[in-house]
Amino acid sequence: MTYLENKIAAVPEPVEGPASTTIKQINDQHFNMIKILFICHGNICRSPMAEFVMKHLVKEAGLSEQFEIASAATSTEEIGNPVYPPARRKLAEHGIGCEGKTARQMTRQDYAYYDYIIAMDRNNLRNLKRMFGKDTDHKISLLMDYTHRPGDVADPWYTGNFEATWVDVLEGCKGLLSYLNKQ
């Protein structure tokens, strides 16, 4: 049984009464949400920036209830660490918070669970394909593929240029949201 089939099987059958309708509606809503997972190497700079920018954009568009958005790492190096302070400051400059976010590593189950798995660069993409194998459901892409200038999101870990990363992430997330609105 797949991860998603197990999840569905674990949902109890509703009982008669007004509360059961609410539970069923909540379950239906959850399974109909668009689920996006942003990926970078450590999950402390680029992918959490993308996660919280996208959450901000869907909230501004009044679409929050239609999305589940998260981020993860390809590596184990930063697991449990909070968003890197300069990335957190860059988000805060634009009125976006990321409190409580800590790095986590992606899992094989993420492929079954998420509808879109969005990598920040080609190295992340290679690691995703190594972990998941063939992308038979065409879920994996690069964030910048949703822009007019495909490529990698600038990596501030090496450059220290969080403004360039902000520009890439914002443009990529806006492009992704536009793409999803057309689907």
N, C-alpha and C. Protein backbone atom coordinates (compact mmCIF):
# COMPACT_ATOMS: atom_id res chain seq x y z
N MET A 1 0.85 -1.17 0.00
CA MET A 1 0.00 0.00 0.00
C MET A 1 0.90 1.24 0.00
N THR A 2 0.56 2.27 -0.80
CA THR A 2 1.37 3.48 -0.85
C THR A 2 1.15 4.32 0.40
N TYR A 3 2.00 5.30 0.57
CA TYR A 3 1.90 6.22 1.70
C TYR A 3 0.52 6.89 1.72
N LEU A 4 0.09 7.40 0.57
CA LEU A 4 -1.19 8.09 0.49
C LEU A 4 -2.35 7.14 0.74
N GLU A 5 -2.28 5.91 0.20
CA GLU A 5 -3.33 4.93 0.45
C GLU A 5 -3.42 4.60 1.93
N ASN A 6 -2.27 4.49 2.60
CA ASN A 6 -2.26 4.25 4.05
C ASN A 6 -2.91 5.41 4.79
N LYS A 7 -2.60 6.63 4.34
CA LYS A 7 -3.17 7.82 4.97
C LYS A 7 -4.69 7.83 4.84
N ILE A 8 -5.16 7.51 3.64
CA ILE A 8 -6.60 7.50 3.39
C ILE A 8 -7.26 6.39 4.20
N ALA A 9 -6.64 5.21 4.25
CA ALA A 9 -7.20 4.08 4.98
C ALA A 9 -7.28 4.37 6.48
N ALA A 10 -6.39 5.21 6.99
CA ALA A 10 -6.36 5.52 8.42
C ALA A 10 -7.44 6.50 8.83
N VAL A 11 -8.07 7.17 7.85
CA VAL A 11 -9.13 8.13 8.18
C VAL A 11 -10.37 7.34 8.57
N PRO A 12 -10.87 7.56 9.79
CA PRO A 12 -12.05 6.80 10.23
C PRO A 12 -13.29 7.17 9.41
N GLU A 13 -14.18 6.20 9.26
CA GLU A 13 -15.44 6.46 8.58
C GLU A 13 -16.25 7.44 9.44
N PRO A 14 -16.91 8.39 8.80
CA PRO A 14 -17.70 9.34 9.58
C PRO A 14 -18.92 8.66 10.22
N VAL A 15 -19.27 9.13 11.39
CA VAL A 15 -20.47 8.65 12.05
C VAL A 15 -21.58 9.63 11.73
N GLU A 16 -22.83 9.19 11.93
CA GLU A 16 -23.95 10.07 11.63
C GLU A 16 -23.98 11.23 12.61
N GLY A 17 -24.39 12.38 12.14
CA GLY A 17 -24.52 13.54 13.01
C GLY A 17 -23.86 14.75 12.39
N PRO A 18 -24.13 15.92 12.94
CA PRO A 18 -23.61 17.15 12.35
C PRO A 18 -22.09 17.25 12.39
N ALA A 19 -21.44 16.71 13.41
CA ALA A 19 -19.99 16.81 13.51
C ALA A 19 -19.31 15.99 12.42
N SER A 20 -19.90 14.87 12.00
CA SER A 20 -19.27 14.02 11.01
C SER A 20 -19.15 14.75 9.67
N THR A 21 -20.09 15.57 9.32
CA THR A 21 -20.02 16.33 8.08
C THR A 21 -18.82 17.25 8.11
N THR A 22 -18.58 17.89 9.23
CA THR A 22 -17.44 18.80 9.37
C THR A 22 -16.13 18.04 9.22
N ILE A 23 -16.01 16.88 9.84
CA ILE A 23 -14.80 16.07 9.73
C ILE A 23 -14.58 15.65 8.29
N LYS A 24 -15.64 15.19 7.62
CA LYS A 24 -15.52 14.78 6.23
C LYS A 24 -15.11 15.97 5.36
N GLN A 25 -15.70 17.12 5.58
CA GLN A 25 -15.35 18.31 4.79
C GLN A 25 -13.88 18.67 5.00
N ILE A 26 -13.41 18.58 6.23
CA ILE A 26 -12.01 18.87 6.52
C ILE A 26 -11.11 17.87 5.82
N ASN A 27 -11.46 16.58 5.90
CA ASN A 27 -10.66 15.56 5.21
C ASN A 27 -10.66 15.77 3.70
N ASP A 28 -11.83 16.05 3.12
CA ASP A 28 -11.91 16.30 1.69
C ASP A 28 -11.07 17.51 1.30
N GLN A 29 -11.16 18.55 2.09
CA GLN A 29 -10.40 19.76 1.81
C GLN A 29 -8.90 19.47 1.85
N HIS A 30 -8.45 18.70 2.84
CA HIS A 30 -7.03 18.38 2.96
C HIS A 30 -6.54 17.60 1.74
N PHE A 31 -7.31 16.64 1.28
CA PHE A 31 -6.88 15.81 0.15
C PHE A 31 -6.96 16.57 -1.18
N ASN A 32 -7.73 17.64 -1.22
CA ASN A 32 -7.85 18.44 -2.44
C ASN A 32 -6.89 19.62 -2.47
N MET A 33 -6.14 19.80 -1.42
CA MET A 33 -5.18 20.91 -1.37
C MET A 33 -4.04 20.66 -2.35
N ILE A 34 -3.46 21.75 -2.84
CA ILE A 34 -2.24 21.66 -3.65
C ILE A 34 -1.08 21.64 -2.66
N LYS A 35 -0.29 20.58 -2.72
CA LYS A 35 0.79 20.39 -1.75
C LYS A 35 2.14 20.62 -2.45
N ILE A 36 2.88 21.60 -1.93
CA ILE A 36 4.16 21.99 -2.52
C ILE A 36 5.27 21.81 -1.49
N LEU A 37 6.36 21.19 -1.91
CA LEU A 37 7.54 21.03 -1.07
C LEU A 37 8.73 21.68 -1.79
N PHE A 38 9.31 22.69 -1.16
CA PHE A 38 10.50 23.35 -1.70
C PHE A 38 11.74 22.67 -1.12
N ILE A 39 12.75 22.48 -1.96
CA ILE A 39 13.95 21.73 -1.57
C ILE A 39 15.21 22.54 -1.83
N CYS A 40 16.13 22.55 -0.85
CA CYS A 40 17.49 23.03 -1.07
C CYS A 40 18.43 22.13 -0.28
N HIS A 41 19.70 22.46 -0.26
CA HIS A 41 20.69 21.59 0.37
C HIS A 41 20.47 21.45 1.88
N GLY A 42 20.39 22.57 2.60
CA GLY A 42 20.34 22.50 4.05
C GLY A 42 19.01 22.84 4.69
N ASN A 43 18.08 23.43 3.93
CA ASN A 43 16.78 23.85 4.43
C ASN A 43 16.89 24.93 5.50
N ILE A 44 17.87 25.82 5.33
CA ILE A 44 17.98 26.95 6.25
C ILE A 44 18.03 28.30 5.53
N CYS A 45 18.15 28.31 4.20
CA CYS A 45 18.19 29.58 3.45
C CYS A 45 17.13 29.61 2.35
N ARG A 46 17.46 29.03 1.20
CA ARG A 46 16.61 29.18 0.01
C ARG A 46 15.25 28.50 0.12
N SER A 47 15.21 27.24 0.49
CA SER A 47 13.90 26.56 0.51
C SER A 47 12.96 27.12 1.57
N PRO A 48 13.44 27.48 2.77
CA PRO A 48 12.49 28.11 3.69
C PRO A 48 12.06 29.51 3.21
N MET A 49 12.98 30.23 2.53
CA MET A 49 12.56 31.52 1.97
C MET A 49 11.43 31.28 0.97
N ALA A 50 11.58 30.28 0.10
CA ALA A 50 10.54 29.97 -0.88
C ALA A 50 9.25 29.54 -0.18
N GLU A 51 9.37 28.71 0.84
CA GLU A 51 8.19 28.26 1.58
C GLU A 51 7.39 29.44 2.11
N PHE A 52 8.06 30.36 2.79
CA PHE A 52 7.34 31.45 3.43
C PHE A 52 6.93 32.55 2.45
N VAL A 53 7.68 32.74 1.39
CA VAL A 53 7.24 33.68 0.35
C VAL A 53 5.98 33.14 -0.31
N MET A 54 5.98 31.85 -0.64
CA MET A 54 4.80 31.26 -1.29
C MET A 54 3.59 31.31 -0.36
N LYS A 55 3.79 31.01 0.91
CA LYS A 55 2.69 31.11 1.87
C LYS A 55 2.14 32.53 1.91
N HIS A 56 3.03 33.51 1.87
CA HIS A 56 2.63 34.91 1.88
C HIS A 56 1.83 35.25 0.62
N LEU A 57 2.31 34.80 -0.54
CA LEU A 57 1.63 35.10 -1.80
C LEU A 57 0.24 34.46 -1.86
N VAL A 58 0.11 33.21 -1.42
CA VAL A 58 -1.21 32.57 -1.47
C VAL A 58 -2.16 33.20 -0.45
N LYS A 59 -1.61 33.65 0.66
CA LYS A 59 -2.44 34.34 1.65
C LYS A 59 -2.95 35.66 1.07
N GLU A 60 -2.07 36.42 0.43
CA GLU A 60 -2.48 37.68 -0.20
C GLU A 60 -3.54 37.46 -1.27
N ALA A 61 -3.47 36.33 -1.95
CA ALA A 61 -4.42 36.01 -3.01
C ALA A 61 -5.71 35.39 -2.45
N GLY A 62 -5.77 35.19 -1.14
CA GLY A 62 -6.95 34.58 -0.52
C GLY A 62 -7.07 33.10 -0.80
N LEU A 63 -5.93 32.43 -1.02
CA LEU A 63 -5.94 31.02 -1.39
C LEU A 63 -5.32 30.10 -0.35
N SER A 64 -5.05 30.58 0.83
CA SER A 64 -4.33 29.80 1.85
C SER A 64 -4.95 28.44 2.11
N GLU A 65 -6.27 28.38 2.12
CA GLU A 65 -6.94 27.11 2.44
C GLU A 65 -6.82 26.09 1.32
N GLN A 66 -6.30 26.50 0.16
CA GLN A 66 -6.16 25.58 -0.96
C GLN A 66 -4.75 25.01 -1.08
N PHE A 67 -3.85 25.43 -0.19
CA PHE A 67 -2.44 25.03 -0.30
C PHE A 67 -1.90 24.48 1.00
N GLU A 68 -1.00 23.54 0.86
CA GLU A 68 -0.13 23.10 1.95
C GLU A 68 1.29 23.28 1.41
N ILE A 69 2.08 24.08 2.09
CA ILE A 69 3.40 24.46 1.60
C ILE A 69 4.43 24.18 2.69
N ALA A 70 5.53 23.51 2.31
CA ALA A 70 6.58 23.17 3.27
C ALA A 70 7.92 23.22 2.54
N SER A 71 8.98 22.94 3.29
CA SER A 71 10.32 22.87 2.69
C SER A 71 11.14 21.83 3.42
N ALA A 72 12.19 21.35 2.73
CA ALA A 72 13.05 20.32 3.31
C ALA A 72 14.43 20.39 2.66
N ALA A 73 15.35 19.61 3.23
CA ALA A 73 16.74 19.57 2.77
C ALA A 73 17.03 18.26 2.06
N THR A 74 18.05 18.30 1.21
CA THR A 74 18.55 17.05 0.64
C THR A 74 19.59 16.43 1.56
N SER A 75 20.19 17.24 2.42
CA SER A 75 21.27 16.76 3.31
C SER A 75 20.79 16.66 4.75
N THR A 76 21.65 16.10 5.59
CA THR A 76 21.35 16.00 7.03
C THR A 76 22.08 17.07 7.83
N GLU A 77 22.88 17.89 7.18
CA GLU A 77 23.80 18.81 7.87
C GLU A 77 23.13 19.79 8.83
N GLU A 78 21.95 20.26 8.50
CA GLU A 78 21.33 21.33 9.29
C GLU A 78 20.05 20.90 10.01
N ILE A 79 19.75 19.62 10.04
CA ILE A 79 18.50 19.14 10.63
C ILE A 79 18.32 19.71 12.04
N GLY A 80 17.14 20.28 12.28
CA GLY A 80 16.81 20.84 13.58
C GLY A 80 17.21 22.29 13.77
N ASN A 81 18.01 22.83 12.85
CA ASN A 81 18.43 24.22 12.97
C ASN A 81 17.36 25.16 12.43
N PRO A 82 17.28 26.37 13.02
CA PRO A 82 16.30 27.34 12.52
C PRO A 82 16.77 27.96 11.20
N VAL A 83 15.91 28.75 10.61
CA VAL A 83 16.26 29.48 9.39
C VAL A 83 17.47 30.35 9.69
N TYR A 84 18.43 30.35 8.78
CA TYR A 84 19.67 31.11 8.92
C TYR A 84 19.34 32.59 9.14
N PRO A 85 19.95 33.25 10.15
CA PRO A 85 19.57 34.62 10.50
C PRO A 85 19.52 35.62 9.33
N PRO A 86 20.49 35.64 8.40
CA PRO A 86 20.34 36.60 7.30
C PRO A 86 19.12 36.31 6.41
N ALA A 87 18.76 35.06 6.24
CA ALA A 87 17.56 34.71 5.47
C ALA A 87 16.31 35.16 6.23
N ARG A 88 16.32 34.94 7.53
CA ARG A 88 15.20 35.38 8.38
C ARG A 88 15.05 36.90 8.32
N ARG A 89 16.18 37.62 8.36
CA ARG A 89 16.13 39.09 8.28
C ARG A 89 15.60 39.56 6.93
N LYS A 90 16.02 38.89 5.85
CA LYS A 90 15.56 39.27 4.52
C LYS A 90 14.05 39.09 4.40
N LEU A 91 13.52 38.00 4.92
CA LEU A 91 12.07 37.80 4.91
C LEU A 91 11.38 38.88 5.74
N ALA A 92 11.94 39.19 6.91
CA ALA A 92 11.34 40.19 7.80
C ALA A 92 11.32 41.58 7.15
N GLU A 93 12.32 41.89 6.34
CA GLU A 93 12.34 43.18 5.62
C GLU A 93 11.09 43.35 4.77
N HIS A 94 10.51 42.23 4.36
CA HIS A 94 9.33 42.25 3.49
C HIS A 94 8.06 41.85 4.24
N GLY A 95 8.14 41.89 5.58
CA GLY A 95 6.97 41.61 6.40
C GLY A 95 6.57 40.15 6.46
N ILE A 96 7.53 39.26 6.23
CA ILE A 96 7.24 37.82 6.22
C ILE A 96 8.00 37.16 7.37
N GLY A 97 7.28 36.46 8.22
CA GLY A 97 7.89 35.75 9.34
C GLY A 97 8.12 34.29 9.00
N CYS A 98 9.00 33.67 9.77
CA CYS A 98 9.28 32.23 9.59
C CYS A 98 9.51 31.56 10.94
N GLU A 99 8.89 32.11 11.97
CA GLU A 99 9.07 31.60 13.32
C GLU A 99 8.71 30.12 13.42
N GLY A 100 9.53 29.40 14.16
CA GLY A 100 9.25 28.00 14.43
C GLY A 100 9.77 27.03 13.38
N LYS A 101 10.20 27.54 12.24
CA LYS A 101 10.70 26.65 11.18
C LYS A 101 12.06 26.11 11.55
N THR A 102 12.20 24.80 11.47
CA THR A 102 13.51 24.16 11.64
C THR A 102 13.74 23.23 10.46
N ALA A 103 15.01 23.04 10.14
CA ALA A 103 15.37 22.23 8.98
C ALA A 103 14.97 20.77 9.20
N ARG A 104 14.49 20.17 8.12
CA ARG A 104 14.21 18.74 8.11
C ARG A 104 14.71 18.18 6.78
N GLN A 105 15.01 16.90 6.78
CA GLN A 105 15.45 16.26 5.55
C GLN A 105 14.24 15.64 4.85
N MET A 106 14.26 15.70 3.52
CA MET A 106 13.18 15.07 2.75
C MET A 106 13.21 13.56 2.97
N THR A 107 12.07 12.94 2.72
CA THR A 107 11.95 11.49 2.85
C THR A 107 11.37 10.91 1.56
N ARG A 108 11.47 9.62 1.40
CA ARG A 108 10.87 8.96 0.23
C ARG A 108 9.36 9.17 0.20
N GLN A 109 8.73 9.26 1.36
CA GLN A 109 7.29 9.45 1.44
C GLN A 109 6.86 10.80 0.88
N ASP A 110 7.77 11.77 0.86
CA ASP A 110 7.44 13.09 0.33
C ASP A 110 7.00 13.02 -1.13
N TYR A 111 7.58 12.11 -1.88
CA TYR A 111 7.21 12.02 -3.30
C TYR A 111 5.73 11.64 -3.45
N ALA A 112 5.26 10.70 -2.65
CA ALA A 112 3.86 10.29 -2.72
C ALA A 112 2.93 11.38 -2.19
N TYR A 113 3.38 12.13 -1.20
CA TYR A 113 2.52 13.09 -0.51
C TYR A 113 2.35 14.41 -1.27
N TYR A 114 3.44 14.95 -1.76
CA TYR A 114 3.39 16.29 -2.37
C TYR A 114 3.07 16.22 -3.86
N ASP A 115 2.37 17.25 -4.33
CA ASP A 115 2.03 17.36 -5.75
C ASP A 115 3.17 17.99 -6.55
N TYR A 116 3.88 18.91 -5.93
CA TYR A 116 4.99 19.62 -6.57
C TYR A 116 6.18 19.59 -5.64
N ILE A 117 7.31 19.16 -6.16
CA ILE A 117 8.56 19.15 -5.39
C ILE A 117 9.51 20.05 -6.17
N ILE A 118 9.80 21.20 -5.58
CA ILE A 118 10.47 22.28 -6.30
C ILE A 118 11.88 22.47 -5.74
N ALA A 119 12.87 22.19 -6.57
CA ALA A 119 14.28 22.32 -6.17
C ALA A 119 14.79 23.72 -6.46
N MET A 120 15.78 24.14 -5.68
CA MET A 120 16.36 25.46 -5.87
C MET A 120 17.49 25.46 -6.91
N ASP A 121 18.16 24.32 -7.09
CA ASP A 121 19.23 24.28 -8.10
C ASP A 121 19.40 22.87 -8.66
N ARG A 122 20.27 22.77 -9.65
CA ARG A 122 20.47 21.49 -10.35
C ARG A 122 21.07 20.42 -9.45
N ASN A 123 21.89 20.82 -8.47
CA ASN A 123 22.43 19.83 -7.53
C ASN A 123 21.30 19.23 -6.69
N ASN A 124 20.38 20.07 -6.25
CA ASN A 124 19.22 19.56 -5.50
C ASN A 124 18.40 18.63 -6.37
N LEU A 125 18.22 19.03 -7.63
CA LEU A 125 17.46 18.22 -8.58
C LEU A 125 18.09 16.84 -8.75
N ARG A 126 19.40 16.81 -8.88
CA ARG A 126 20.12 15.54 -9.01
C ARG A 126 19.93 14.68 -7.76
N ASN A 127 20.01 15.29 -6.58
CA ASN A 127 19.81 14.54 -5.33
C ASN A 127 18.38 14.01 -5.21
N LEU A 128 17.41 14.81 -5.66
CA LEU A 128 16.02 14.35 -5.64
C LEU A 128 15.84 13.13 -6.53
N LYS A 129 16.38 13.20 -7.72
CA LYS A 129 16.25 12.08 -8.65
C LYS A 129 16.97 10.84 -8.13
N ARG A 130 18.08 11.06 -7.43
CA ARG A 130 18.80 9.93 -6.83
C ARG A 130 17.94 9.27 -5.74
N MET A 131 17.26 10.08 -4.95
CA MET A 131 16.46 9.53 -3.86
C MET A 131 15.15 8.91 -4.37
N PHE A 132 14.47 9.60 -5.28
CA PHE A 132 13.14 9.16 -5.72
C PHE A 132 13.17 8.27 -6.95
N GLY A 133 14.29 8.24 -7.66
CA GLY A 133 14.33 7.48 -8.90
C GLY A 133 13.64 8.27 -10.00
N LYS A 134 12.97 7.55 -10.88
CA LYS A 134 12.28 8.23 -11.99
C LYS A 134 11.14 9.08 -11.45
N ASP A 135 10.98 10.23 -12.05
CA ASP A 135 9.89 11.15 -11.70
C ASP A 135 8.68 10.83 -12.58
N THR A 136 8.09 9.66 -12.34
CA THR A 136 7.01 9.17 -13.21
C THR A 136 5.77 10.05 -13.16
N ASP A 137 5.58 10.78 -12.07
CA ASP A 137 4.40 11.64 -11.94
C ASP A 137 4.70 13.09 -12.32
N HIS A 138 5.92 13.36 -12.77
CA HIS A 138 6.32 14.70 -13.21
C HIS A 138 6.06 15.75 -12.14
N LYS A 139 6.52 15.47 -10.93
CA LYS A 139 6.32 16.36 -9.80
C LYS A 139 7.53 17.26 -9.55
N ILE A 140 8.69 16.87 -10.01
CA ILE A 140 9.94 17.54 -9.66
C ILE A 140 10.31 18.57 -10.72
N SER A 141 10.66 19.77 -10.26
CA SER A 141 11.10 20.83 -11.18
C SER A 141 12.00 21.80 -10.41
N LEU A 142 12.55 22.74 -11.15
CA LEU A 142 13.34 23.83 -10.56
C LEU A 142 12.42 25.05 -10.38
N LEU A 143 12.60 25.78 -9.30
CA LEU A 143 11.77 26.97 -9.06
C LEU A 143 11.88 27.96 -10.21
N MET A 144 13.08 28.17 -10.72
CA MET A 144 13.27 29.17 -11.76
C MET A 144 12.69 28.73 -13.11
N ASP A 145 12.25 27.47 -13.23
CA ASP A 145 11.57 27.03 -14.44
C ASP A 145 10.24 27.75 -14.63
N TYR A 146 9.73 28.36 -13.57
CA TYR A 146 8.45 29.07 -13.63
C TYR A 146 8.65 30.56 -13.93
N THR A 147 9.85 30.91 -14.38
CA THR A 147 10.18 32.30 -14.71
C THR A 147 10.63 32.37 -16.17
N HIS A 148 10.93 33.58 -16.60
CA HIS A 148 11.46 33.78 -17.96
C HIS A 148 12.97 33.60 -18.01
N ARG A 149 13.57 33.25 -16.89
CA ARG A 149 15.02 33.03 -16.85
C ARG A 149 15.34 31.77 -16.04
N PRO A 150 15.07 30.60 -16.65
CA PRO A 150 15.32 29.33 -15.96
C PRO A 150 16.79 29.20 -15.52
N GLY A 151 17.00 28.45 -14.48
CA GLY A 151 18.33 28.22 -13.94
C GLY A 151 18.24 27.95 -12.46
N ASP A 152 19.32 28.26 -11.76
CA ASP A 152 19.39 28.02 -10.32
C ASP A 152 19.01 29.28 -9.54
N VAL A 153 18.41 29.09 -8.37
CA VAL A 153 18.21 30.19 -7.42
C VAL A 153 19.57 30.50 -6.82
N ALA A 154 19.92 31.77 -6.79
CA ALA A 154 21.21 32.20 -6.23
C ALA A 154 21.38 31.64 -4.82
N ASP A 155 22.54 31.07 -4.54
CA ASP A 155 22.80 30.44 -3.24
C ASP A 155 23.55 31.41 -2.33
N PRO A 156 22.85 32.00 -1.34
CA PRO A 156 23.49 32.99 -0.48
C PRO A 156 24.47 32.40 0.52
N TRP A 157 24.43 31.09 0.70
CA TRP A 157 25.36 30.45 1.64
C TRP A 157 26.80 30.72 1.20
N TYR A 158 27.00 30.75 -0.12
CA TYR A 158 28.35 30.95 -0.66
C TYR A 158 28.62 32.40 -1.03
N THR A 159 27.58 33.14 -1.43
CA THR A 159 27.79 34.52 -1.89
C THR A 159 27.52 35.56 -0.81
N GLY A 160 26.68 35.21 0.16
CA GLY A 160 26.26 36.19 1.16
C GLY A 160 25.25 37.19 0.61
N ASN A 161 24.85 37.04 -0.65
CA ASN A 161 23.94 37.98 -1.29
C ASN A 161 22.49 37.50 -1.16
N PHE A 162 21.86 37.85 -0.04
CA PHE A 162 20.50 37.42 0.22
C PHE A 162 19.49 38.21 -0.61
N GLU A 163 19.89 39.39 -1.09
CA GLU A 163 19.01 40.16 -1.97
C GLU A 163 18.81 39.44 -3.30
N ALA A 164 19.90 38.92 -3.88
CA ALA A 164 19.78 38.17 -5.14
C ALA A 164 18.90 36.94 -4.94
N THR A 165 19.04 36.27 -3.81
CA THR A 165 18.21 35.11 -3.52
C THR A 165 16.75 35.53 -3.38
N TRP A 166 16.51 36.63 -2.68
CA TRP A 166 15.15 37.15 -2.51
C TRP A 166 14.50 37.39 -3.88
N VAL A 167 15.23 38.05 -4.77
CA VAL A 167 14.70 38.36 -6.10
C VAL A 167 14.34 37.08 -6.85
N ASP A 168 15.24 36.10 -6.83
CA ASP A 168 14.98 34.82 -7.51
C ASP A 168 13.78 34.11 -6.90
N VAL A 169 13.74 34.01 -5.58
CA VAL A 169 12.66 33.29 -4.90
C VAL A 169 11.32 33.97 -5.15
N LEU A 170 11.28 35.29 -5.04
CA LEU A 170 10.02 36.01 -5.27
C LEU A 170 9.54 35.81 -6.70
N GLU A 171 10.44 35.97 -7.66
CA GLU A 171 10.07 35.78 -9.06
C GLU A 171 9.61 34.35 -9.33
N GLY A 172 10.34 33.38 -8.78
CA GLY A 172 9.97 31.98 -8.97
C GLY A 172 8.63 31.64 -8.34
N CYS A 173 8.38 32.12 -7.13
CA CYS A 173 7.11 31.82 -6.45
C CYS A 173 5.94 32.50 -7.16
N LYS A 174 6.14 33.73 -7.63
CA LYS A 174 5.07 34.40 -8.39
C LYS A 174 4.78 33.63 -9.67
N GLY A 175 5.83 33.18 -10.34
CA GLY A 175 5.65 32.40 -11.56
C GLY A 175 4.95 31.08 -11.30
N LEU A 176 5.32 30.40 -10.20
CA LEU A 176 4.69 29.14 -9.83
C LEU A 176 3.21 29.35 -9.53
N LEU A 177 2.88 30.40 -8.78
CA LEU A 177 1.48 30.67 -8.45
C LEU A 177 0.69 30.98 -9.72
N SER A 178 1.27 31.74 -10.61
CA SER A 178 0.61 32.03 -11.89
C SER A 178 0.36 30.74 -12.67
N TYR A 179 1.35 29.89 -12.72
CA TYR A 179 1.22 28.59 -13.41
C TYR A 179 0.08 27.78 -12.78
N LEU A 180 0.04 27.71 -11.47
CA LEU A 180 -0.98 26.91 -10.77
C LEU A 180 -2.37 27.49 -10.98
N ASN A 181 -2.48 28.82 -11.06
CA ASN A 181 -3.77 29.45 -11.30
C ASN A 181 -4.33 29.11 -12.68
N LYS A 182 -3.45 28.78 -13.61
CA LYS A 182 -3.87 28.44 -14.98
C LYS A 182 -4.24 26.97 -15.13
N GLN A 183 -3.89 26.16 -14.14
CA GLN A 183 -4.14 24.71 -14.23
C GLN A 183 -5.61 24.39 -13.97
